Every structure is written in structure tokens, then in C-alpha cells.
PDB file of all heavy atoms in Angstrom:
ATOM      1  N   CYS A   1      -7.575  10.034  19.587  1.00  0.00           N
ATOM      2  CA  CYS A   1      -7.475   8.997  20.613  1.00  0.00           C
ATOM      3  C   CYS A   1      -6.700   7.817  20.032  1.00  0.00           C
ATOM      4  O   CYS A   1      -6.381   7.789  18.847  1.00  0.00           O
ATOM      5  CB  CYS A   1      -8.855   8.552  21.081  1.00  0.00           C
ATOM      6  SG  CYS A   1      -9.837   7.802  19.781  1.00  0.00           S
ATOM      7  N   LYS A   2      -6.390   6.851  20.879  1.00  0.00           N
ATOM      8  CA  LYS A   2      -5.614   5.697  20.426  1.00  0.00           C
ATOM      9  C   LYS A   2      -6.341   4.925  19.324  1.00  0.00           C
ATOM     10  O   LYS A   2      -5.722   4.490  18.357  1.00  0.00           O
ATOM     11  CB  LYS A   2      -5.282   4.770  21.587  1.00  0.00           C
ATOM     12  CG  LYS A   2      -4.363   3.619  21.167  1.00  0.00           C
ATOM     13  CD  LYS A   2      -3.872   2.849  22.350  1.00  0.00           C
ATOM     14  CE  LYS A   2      -2.588   3.516  22.765  1.00  0.00           C
ATOM     15  NZ  LYS A   2      -1.792   2.738  23.688  1.00  0.00           N
ATOM     16  N   ALA A   3      -7.654   4.772  19.454  1.00  0.00           N
ATOM     17  CA  ALA A   3      -8.420   4.047  18.435  1.00  0.00           C
ATOM     18  C   ALA A   3      -8.328   4.752  17.085  1.00  0.00           C
ATOM     19  O   ALA A   3      -8.194   4.110  16.042  1.00  0.00           O
ATOM     20  CB  ALA A   3      -9.875   3.893  18.869  1.00  0.00           C
ATOM     21  N   ASP A   4      -8.385   6.073  17.106  1.00  0.00           N
ATOM     22  CA  ASP A   4      -8.259   6.857  15.880  1.00  0.00           C
ATOM     23  C   ASP A   4      -6.857   6.683  15.285  1.00  0.00           C
ATOM     24  O   ASP A   4      -6.697   6.537  14.071  1.00  0.00           O
ATOM     25  CB  ASP A   4      -8.543   8.326  16.166  1.00  0.00           C
ATOM     26  CG  ASP A   4      -8.639   9.171  14.907  1.00  0.00           C
ATOM     27  OD1 ASP A   4      -9.072   8.643  13.868  1.00  0.00           O
ATOM     28  OD2 ASP A   4      -8.286  10.374  14.978  1.00  0.00           O
ATOM     29  N   PHE A   5      -5.844   6.686  16.140  1.00  0.00           N
ATOM     30  CA  PHE A   5      -4.462   6.470  15.694  1.00  0.00           C
ATOM     31  C   PHE A   5      -4.325   5.119  15.000  1.00  0.00           C
ATOM     32  O   PHE A   5      -3.789   5.029  13.895  1.00  0.00           O
ATOM     33  CB  PHE A   5      -3.514   6.554  16.890  1.00  0.00           C
ATOM     34  CG  PHE A   5      -2.099   6.168  16.572  1.00  0.00           C
ATOM     35  CD1 PHE A   5      -1.245   7.071  15.946  1.00  0.00           C
ATOM     36  CD2 PHE A   5      -1.614   4.908  16.886  1.00  0.00           C
ATOM     37  CE1 PHE A   5       0.060   6.719  15.637  1.00  0.00           C
ATOM     38  CE2 PHE A   5      -0.312   4.546  16.589  1.00  0.00           C
ATOM     39  CZ  PHE A   5       0.529   5.453  15.961  1.00  0.00           C
ATOM     40  N   VAL A   6      -4.824   4.064  15.641  1.00  0.00           N
ATOM     41  CA  VAL A   6      -4.733   2.724  15.061  1.00  0.00           C
ATOM     42  C   VAL A   6      -5.482   2.675  13.730  1.00  0.00           C
ATOM     43  O   VAL A   6      -4.992   2.098  12.758  1.00  0.00           O
ATOM     44  CB  VAL A   6      -5.285   1.660  16.045  1.00  0.00           C
ATOM     45  CG1 VAL A   6      -5.378   0.296  15.378  1.00  0.00           C
ATOM     46  CG2 VAL A   6      -4.404   1.587  17.283  1.00  0.00           C
ATOM     47  N   HIS A   7      -6.634   3.301  13.685  1.00  0.00           N
ATOM     48  CA  HIS A   7      -7.414   3.328  12.446  1.00  0.00           C
ATOM     49  C   HIS A   7      -6.636   4.007  11.318  1.00  0.00           C
ATOM     50  O   HIS A   7      -6.595   3.501  10.192  1.00  0.00           O
ATOM     51  CB  HIS A   7      -8.744   4.042  12.683  1.00  0.00           C
ATOM     52  CG  HIS A   7      -9.589   4.175  11.472  1.00  0.00           C
ATOM     53  ND1 HIS A   7     -10.231   3.114  10.884  1.00  0.00           N
ATOM     54  CD2 HIS A   7      -9.884   5.256  10.717  1.00  0.00           C
ATOM     55  CE1 HIS A   7     -10.882   3.529   9.822  1.00  0.00           C
ATOM     56  NE2 HIS A   7     -10.688   4.831   9.693  1.00  0.00           N
ATOM     57  N   GLN A   8      -6.020   5.132  11.607  1.00  0.00           N
ATOM     58  CA  GLN A   8      -5.256   5.860  10.583  1.00  0.00           C
ATOM     59  C   GLN A   8      -4.040   5.058  10.117  1.00  0.00           C
ATOM     60  O   GLN A   8      -3.719   5.030   8.926  1.00  0.00           O
ATOM     61  CB  GLN A   8      -4.820   7.233  11.108  1.00  0.00           C
ATOM     62  CG  GLN A   8      -5.969   8.178  11.377  1.00  0.00           C
ATOM     63  CD  GLN A   8      -6.770   8.517  10.139  1.00  0.00           C
ATOM     64  OE1 GLN A   8      -6.261   8.538   9.026  1.00  0.00           O
ATOM     65  NE2 GLN A   8      -8.045   8.768  10.333  1.00  0.00           N
ATOM     66  N   ILE A   9      -3.362   4.390  11.046  1.00  0.00           N
ATOM     67  CA  ILE A   9      -2.213   3.567  10.674  1.00  0.00           C
ATOM     68  C   ILE A   9      -2.678   2.377   9.842  1.00  0.00           C
ATOM     69  O   ILE A   9      -2.019   1.982   8.875  1.00  0.00           O
ATOM     70  CB  ILE A   9      -1.427   3.108  11.926  1.00  0.00           C
ATOM     71  CG1 ILE A   9      -0.803   4.306  12.633  1.00  0.00           C
ATOM     72  CG2 ILE A   9      -0.360   2.078  11.557  1.00  0.00           C
ATOM     73  CD1 ILE A   9       0.267   5.039  11.842  1.00  0.00           C
ATOM     74  N   ALA A  10      -3.832   1.800  10.196  1.00  0.00           N
ATOM     75  CA  ALA A  10      -4.376   0.682   9.427  1.00  0.00           C
ATOM     76  C   ALA A  10      -4.711   1.113   7.997  1.00  0.00           C
ATOM     77  O   ALA A  10      -4.501   0.342   7.051  1.00  0.00           O
ATOM     78  CB  ALA A  10      -5.604   0.104  10.120  1.00  0.00           C
ATOM     79  N   ILE A  11      -5.199   2.320   7.841  1.00  0.00           N
ATOM     80  CA  ILE A  11      -5.468   2.845   6.496  1.00  0.00           C
ATOM     81  C   ILE A  11      -4.150   2.998   5.732  1.00  0.00           C
ATOM     82  O   ILE A  11      -4.061   2.638   4.555  1.00  0.00           O
ATOM     83  CB  ILE A  11      -6.229   4.181   6.558  1.00  0.00           C
ATOM     84  CG1 ILE A  11      -7.648   3.951   7.071  1.00  0.00           C
ATOM     85  CG2 ILE A  11      -6.253   4.858   5.187  1.00  0.00           C
ATOM     86  CD1 ILE A  11      -8.417   5.225   7.365  1.00  0.00           C
ATOM     87  N   ALA A  12      -3.131   3.506   6.395  1.00  0.00           N
ATOM     88  CA  ALA A  12      -1.823   3.639   5.747  1.00  0.00           C
ATOM     89  C   ALA A  12      -1.293   2.270   5.331  1.00  0.00           C
ATOM     90  O   ALA A  12      -0.709   2.124   4.249  1.00  0.00           O
ATOM     91  CB  ALA A  12      -0.838   4.326   6.689  1.00  0.00           C
ATOM     92  N   LEU A  13      -1.510   1.253   6.160  1.00  0.00           N
ATOM     93  CA  LEU A  13      -1.090  -0.108   5.830  1.00  0.00           C
ATOM     94  C   LEU A  13      -1.832  -0.614   4.603  1.00  0.00           C
ATOM     95  O   LEU A  13      -1.232  -1.195   3.686  1.00  0.00           O
ATOM     96  CB  LEU A  13      -1.323  -1.036   7.025  1.00  0.00           C
ATOM     97  CG  LEU A  13      -1.041  -2.515   6.808  1.00  0.00           C
ATOM     98  CD1 LEU A  13       0.397  -2.746   6.372  1.00  0.00           C
ATOM     99  CD2 LEU A  13      -1.353  -3.296   8.082  1.00  0.00           C
ATOM    100  N   LYS A  14      -3.124  -0.384   4.556  1.00  0.00           N
ATOM    101  CA  LYS A  14      -3.930  -0.799   3.400  1.00  0.00           C
ATOM    102  C   LYS A  14      -3.429  -0.116   2.128  1.00  0.00           C
ATOM    103  O   LYS A  14      -3.285  -0.766   1.079  1.00  0.00           O
ATOM    104  CB  LYS A  14      -5.397  -0.439   3.659  1.00  0.00           C
ATOM    105  CG  LYS A  14      -6.338  -0.882   2.582  1.00  0.00           C
ATOM    106  CD  LYS A  14      -7.777  -0.528   2.964  1.00  0.00           C
ATOM    107  CE  LYS A  14      -8.734  -0.910   1.862  1.00  0.00           C
ATOM    108  NZ  LYS A  14     -10.115  -0.554   2.184  1.00  0.00           N
ATOM    109  N   GLU A  15      -3.149   1.153   2.204  1.00  0.00           N
ATOM    110  CA  GLU A  15      -2.649   1.897   1.044  1.00  0.00           C
ATOM    111  C   GLU A  15      -1.264   1.396   0.615  1.00  0.00           C
ATOM    112  O   GLU A  15      -0.965   1.310  -0.576  1.00  0.00           O
ATOM    113  CB  GLU A  15      -2.606   3.394   1.349  1.00  0.00           C
ATOM    114  CG  GLU A  15      -3.960   4.016   1.592  1.00  0.00           C
ATOM    115  CD  GLU A  15      -4.852   4.021   0.361  1.00  0.00           C
ATOM    116  OE1 GLU A  15      -4.341   4.065  -0.768  1.00  0.00           O
ATOM    117  OE2 GLU A  15      -6.087   3.969   0.548  1.00  0.00           O
ATOM    118  N   THR A  16      -0.433   1.067   1.581  1.00  0.00           N
ATOM    119  CA  THR A  16       0.900   0.549   1.266  1.00  0.00           C
ATOM    120  C   THR A  16       0.805  -0.806   0.590  1.00  0.00           C
ATOM    121  O   THR A  16       1.532  -1.083  -0.369  1.00  0.00           O
ATOM    122  CB  THR A  16       1.762   0.459   2.541  1.00  0.00           C
ATOM    123  OG1 THR A  16       1.798   1.740   3.172  1.00  0.00           O
ATOM    124  CG2 THR A  16       3.183   0.033   2.217  1.00  0.00           C
ATOM    125  N   ASN A  17      -0.104  -1.653   1.068  1.00  0.00           N
ATOM    126  CA  ASN A  17      -0.313  -2.948   0.420  1.00  0.00           C
ATOM    127  C   ASN A  17      -0.798  -2.780  -1.010  1.00  0.00           C
ATOM    128  O   ASN A  17      -0.359  -3.500  -1.916  1.00  0.00           O
ATOM    129  CB  ASN A  17      -1.311  -3.799   1.215  1.00  0.00           C
ATOM    130  CG  ASN A  17      -0.673  -4.509   2.372  1.00  0.00           C
ATOM    131  OD1 ASN A  17       0.412  -5.064   2.245  1.00  0.00           O
ATOM    132  ND2 ASN A  17      -1.333  -4.486   3.512  1.00  0.00           N
ATOM    133  N   GLU A  18      -1.686  -1.826  -1.228  1.00  0.00           N
ATOM    134  CA  GLU A  18      -2.184  -1.575  -2.577  1.00  0.00           C
ATOM    135  C   GLU A  18      -1.059  -1.059  -3.481  1.00  0.00           C
ATOM    136  O   GLU A  18      -0.939  -1.476  -4.635  1.00  0.00           O
ATOM    137  CB  GLU A  18      -3.332  -0.564  -2.542  1.00  0.00           C
ATOM    138  CG  GLU A  18      -3.943  -0.339  -3.909  1.00  0.00           C
ATOM    139  CD  GLU A  18      -5.153   0.580  -3.875  1.00  0.00           C
ATOM    140  OE1 GLU A  18      -5.795   0.695  -2.815  1.00  0.00           O
ATOM    141  OE2 GLU A  18      -5.430   1.179  -4.919  1.00  0.00           O
ATOM    142  N   THR A  19      -0.238  -0.181  -2.957  1.00  0.00           N
ATOM    143  CA  THR A  19       0.900   0.329  -3.717  1.00  0.00           C
ATOM    144  C   THR A  19       1.858  -0.800  -4.071  1.00  0.00           C
ATOM    145  O   THR A  19       2.371  -0.871  -5.195  1.00  0.00           O
ATOM    146  CB  THR A  19       1.633   1.421  -2.914  1.00  0.00           C
ATOM    147  OG1 THR A  19       0.718   2.485  -2.654  1.00  0.00           O
ATOM    148  CG2 THR A  19       2.848   1.941  -3.661  1.00  0.00           C
ATOM    149  N   ASP A  20       2.087  -1.703  -3.130  1.00  0.00           N
ATOM    150  CA  ASP A  20       2.949  -2.856  -3.370  1.00  0.00           C
ATOM    151  C   ASP A  20       2.398  -3.713  -4.505  1.00  0.00           C
ATOM    152  O   ASP A  20       3.138  -4.163  -5.382  1.00  0.00           O
ATOM    153  CB  ASP A  20       3.077  -3.671  -2.081  1.00  0.00           C
ATOM    154  CG  ASP A  20       4.146  -4.723  -2.164  1.00  0.00           C
ATOM    155  OD1 ASP A  20       5.312  -4.364  -2.447  1.00  0.00           O
ATOM    156  OD2 ASP A  20       3.826  -5.917  -1.960  1.00  0.00           O
ATOM    157  N   TYR A  21       1.093  -3.928  -4.508  1.00  0.00           N
ATOM    158  CA  TYR A  21       0.442  -4.705  -5.570  1.00  0.00           C
ATOM    159  C   TYR A  21       0.615  -4.026  -6.927  1.00  0.00           C
ATOM    160  O   TYR A  21       0.954  -4.665  -7.921  1.00  0.00           O
ATOM    161  CB  TYR A  21      -1.042  -4.881  -5.233  1.00  0.00           C
ATOM    162  CG  TYR A  21      -1.850  -5.460  -6.362  1.00  0.00           C
ATOM    163  CD1 TYR A  21      -1.727  -6.804  -6.720  1.00  0.00           C
ATOM    164  CD2 TYR A  21      -2.741  -4.675  -7.077  1.00  0.00           C
ATOM    165  CE1 TYR A  21      -2.464  -7.342  -7.752  1.00  0.00           C
ATOM    166  CE2 TYR A  21      -3.481  -5.198  -8.115  1.00  0.00           C
ATOM    167  CZ  TYR A  21      -3.351  -6.532  -8.453  1.00  0.00           C
ATOM    168  OH  TYR A  21      -4.084  -7.050  -9.488  1.00  0.00           O
ATOM    169  N   ARG A  22       0.390  -2.728  -6.957  1.00  0.00           N
ATOM    170  CA  ARG A  22       0.527  -1.995  -8.228  1.00  0.00           C
ATOM    171  C   ARG A  22       1.975  -1.988  -8.720  1.00  0.00           C
ATOM    172  O   ARG A  22       2.241  -2.059  -9.914  1.00  0.00           O
ATOM    173  CB  ARG A  22       0.001  -0.575  -8.076  1.00  0.00           C
ATOM    174  CG  ARG A  22      -1.499  -0.553  -7.917  1.00  0.00           C
ATOM    175  CD  ARG A  22      -2.014   0.835  -7.637  1.00  0.00           C
ATOM    176  NE  ARG A  22      -3.425   0.787  -7.343  1.00  0.00           N
ATOM    177  CZ  ARG A  22      -4.330   1.490  -7.998  1.00  0.00           C
ATOM    178  NH1 ARG A  22      -3.970   2.303  -8.963  1.00  0.00           N
ATOM    179  NH2 ARG A  22      -5.602   1.394  -7.664  1.00  0.00           N
ATOM    180  N   LEU A  23       2.898  -1.925  -7.792  1.00  0.00           N
ATOM    181  CA  LEU A  23       4.313  -2.005  -8.152  1.00  0.00           C
ATOM    182  C   LEU A  23       4.613  -3.349  -8.811  1.00  0.00           C
ATOM    183  O   LEU A  23       5.322  -3.414  -9.818  1.00  0.00           O
ATOM    184  CB  LEU A  23       5.185  -1.812  -6.916  1.00  0.00           C
ATOM    185  CG  LEU A  23       6.682  -1.975  -7.112  1.00  0.00           C
ATOM    186  CD1 LEU A  23       7.221  -0.953  -8.098  1.00  0.00           C
ATOM    187  CD2 LEU A  23       7.397  -1.861  -5.780  1.00  0.00           C
ATOM    188  N   GLU A  24       4.054  -4.404  -8.242  1.00  0.00           N
ATOM    189  CA  GLU A  24       4.228  -5.737  -8.819  1.00  0.00           C
ATOM    190  C   GLU A  24       3.667  -5.794 -10.236  1.00  0.00           C
ATOM    191  O   GLU A  24       4.296  -6.361 -11.140  1.00  0.00           O
ATOM    192  CB  GLU A  24       3.547  -6.787  -7.937  1.00  0.00           C
ATOM    193  CG  GLU A  24       3.664  -8.203  -8.439  1.00  0.00           C
ATOM    194  CD  GLU A  24       5.083  -8.748  -8.380  1.00  0.00           C
ATOM    195  OE1 GLU A  24       5.795  -8.452  -7.414  1.00  0.00           O
ATOM    196  OE2 GLU A  24       5.477  -9.478  -9.321  1.00  0.00           O
ATOM    197  N   LEU A  25       2.514  -5.188 -10.460  1.00  0.00           N
ATOM    198  CA  LEU A  25       1.937  -5.160 -11.800  1.00  0.00           C
ATOM    199  C   LEU A  25       2.830  -4.397 -12.777  1.00  0.00           C
ATOM    200  O   LEU A  25       3.015  -4.825 -13.927  1.00  0.00           O
ATOM    201  CB  LEU A  25       0.545  -4.525 -11.769  1.00  0.00           C
ATOM    202  CG  LEU A  25      -0.553  -5.293 -11.055  1.00  0.00           C
ATOM    203  CD1 LEU A  25      -1.853  -4.489 -11.059  1.00  0.00           C
ATOM    204  CD2 LEU A  25      -0.771  -6.656 -11.695  1.00  0.00           C
ATOM    205  N   LEU A  26       3.371  -3.274 -12.328  1.00  0.00           N
ATOM    206  CA  LEU A  26       4.272  -2.500 -13.174  1.00  0.00           C
ATOM    207  C   LEU A  26       5.517  -3.305 -13.525  1.00  0.00           C
ATOM    208  O   LEU A  26       6.010  -3.252 -14.653  1.00  0.00           O
ATOM    209  CB  LEU A  26       4.663  -1.189 -12.491  1.00  0.00           C
ATOM    210  CG  LEU A  26       3.568  -0.139 -12.392  1.00  0.00           C
ATOM    211  CD1 LEU A  26       4.009   0.995 -11.475  1.00  0.00           C
ATOM    212  CD2 LEU A  26       3.205   0.389 -13.768  1.00  0.00           C
ATOM    213  N   HIS A  27       6.003  -4.060 -12.572  1.00  0.00           N
ATOM    214  CA  HIS A  27       7.177  -4.885 -12.812  1.00  0.00           C
ATOM    215  C   HIS A  27       6.854  -6.012 -13.798  1.00  0.00           C
ATOM    216  O   HIS A  27       7.616  -6.265 -14.730  1.00  0.00           O
ATOM    217  CB  HIS A  27       7.701  -5.461 -11.486  1.00  0.00           C
ATOM    218  CG  HIS A  27       8.905  -6.305 -11.648  1.00  0.00           C
ATOM    219  ND1 HIS A  27       8.899  -7.648 -11.396  1.00  0.00           N
ATOM    220  CD2 HIS A  27      10.165  -6.000 -12.056  1.00  0.00           C
ATOM    221  CE1 HIS A  27      10.099  -8.145 -11.638  1.00  0.00           C
ATOM    222  NE2 HIS A  27      10.885  -7.160 -12.033  1.00  0.00           N
ATOM    223  N   GLN A  28       5.717  -6.661 -13.606  1.00  0.00           N
ATOM    224  CA  GLN A  28       5.332  -7.756 -14.503  1.00  0.00           C
ATOM    225  C   GLN A  28       5.107  -7.276 -15.924  1.00  0.00           C
ATOM    226  O   GLN A  28       5.353  -8.019 -16.873  1.00  0.00           O
ATOM    227  CB  GLN A  28       4.073  -8.448 -13.983  1.00  0.00           C
ATOM    228  CG  GLN A  28       4.313  -9.279 -12.752  1.00  0.00           C
ATOM    229  CD  GLN A  28       3.028  -9.885 -12.207  1.00  0.00           C
ATOM    230  OE1 GLN A  28       1.949  -9.734 -12.759  1.00  0.00           O
ATOM    231  NE2 GLN A  28       3.164 -10.581 -11.080  1.00  0.00           N
ATOM    232  N   SER A  29       4.651  -6.053 -16.073  1.00  0.00           N
ATOM    233  CA  SER A  29       4.434  -5.499 -17.411  1.00  0.00           C
ATOM    234  C   SER A  29       5.711  -4.911 -18.005  1.00  0.00           C
ATOM    235  O   SER A  29       5.689  -4.359 -19.100  1.00  0.00           O
ATOM    236  CB  SER A  29       3.351  -4.421 -17.364  1.00  0.00           C
ATOM    237  OG  SER A  29       3.804  -3.297 -16.645  1.00  0.00           O
ATOM    238  N   GLU A  30       6.805  -5.039 -17.258  1.00  0.00           N
ATOM    239  CA  GLU A  30       8.124  -4.562 -17.662  1.00  0.00           C
ATOM    240  C   GLU A  30       8.186  -3.041 -17.802  1.00  0.00           C
ATOM    241  O   GLU A  30       9.035  -2.505 -18.500  1.00  0.00           O
ATOM    242  CB  GLU A  30       8.586  -5.261 -18.938  1.00  0.00           C
ATOM    243  CG  GLU A  30       8.722  -6.764 -18.753  1.00  0.00           C
ATOM    244  CD  GLU A  30       9.194  -7.489 -20.001  1.00  0.00           C
ATOM    245  OE1 GLU A  30       9.369  -6.840 -21.058  1.00  0.00           O
ATOM    246  OE2 GLU A  30       9.376  -8.708 -19.911  1.00  0.00           O
ATOM    247  N   PHE A  31       7.274  -2.353 -17.135  1.00  0.00           N
ATOM    248  CA  PHE A  31       7.316  -0.896 -17.101  1.00  0.00           C
ATOM    249  C   PHE A  31       8.387  -0.425 -16.131  1.00  0.00           C
ATOM    250  O   PHE A  31       8.953   0.653 -16.285  1.00  0.00           O
ATOM    251  CB  PHE A  31       5.944  -0.348 -16.704  1.00  0.00           C
ATOM    252  CG  PHE A  31       5.805   1.133 -16.873  1.00  0.00           C
ATOM    253  CD1 PHE A  31       5.543   1.679 -18.120  1.00  0.00           C
ATOM    254  CD2 PHE A  31       5.931   1.985 -15.790  1.00  0.00           C
ATOM    255  CE1 PHE A  31       5.424   3.052 -18.277  1.00  0.00           C
ATOM    256  CE2 PHE A  31       5.812   3.354 -15.934  1.00  0.00           C
ATOM    257  CZ  PHE A  31       5.558   3.884 -17.191  1.00  0.00           C
ATOM    258  N   VAL A  32       8.667  -1.254 -15.122  1.00  0.00           N
ATOM    259  CA  VAL A  32       9.688  -0.977 -14.115  1.00  0.00           C
ATOM    260  C   VAL A  32      10.783  -2.028 -14.256  1.00  0.00           C
ATOM    261  O   VAL A  32      10.496  -3.219 -14.361  1.00  0.00           O
ATOM    262  CB  VAL A  32       9.083  -1.036 -12.696  1.00  0.00           C
ATOM    263  CG1 VAL A  32      10.145  -0.888 -11.631  1.00  0.00           C
ATOM    264  CG2 VAL A  32       8.007   0.023 -12.533  1.00  0.00           C
ATOM    265  N   THR A  33      12.025  -1.591 -14.285  1.00  0.00           N
ATOM    266  CA  THR A  33      13.140  -2.524 -14.432  1.00  0.00           C
ATOM    267  C   THR A  33      13.300  -3.384 -13.183  1.00  0.00           C
ATOM    268  O   THR A  33      12.822  -3.034 -12.106  1.00  0.00           O
ATOM    269  CB  THR A  33      14.465  -1.773 -14.672  1.00  0.00           C
ATOM    270  OG1 THR A  33      14.775  -1.018 -13.494  1.00  0.00           O
ATOM    271  CG2 THR A  33      14.382  -0.870 -15.894  1.00  0.00           C
TER     272      THR A  33
END
């Protein structure tokens, strides 16, 4: 249903935000150029 769709997309958004944060940490530690 639409509510389930929104929930799944919201989870994907949360995961993307977490990935973005971890990417920033990798960059700050100079692991990523």
C-alpha cells in the first residue's frame, strides 16, 4: 500500500544518510581521496 511504500522509501533515505555520514568519516580519515 502507499503507507508501506513511503515507509520503505523512508528507510532507504535513512540508510543513505548513514552512508553519507560514513563517507564523510572515511574522507576525514584520509581513507578516501
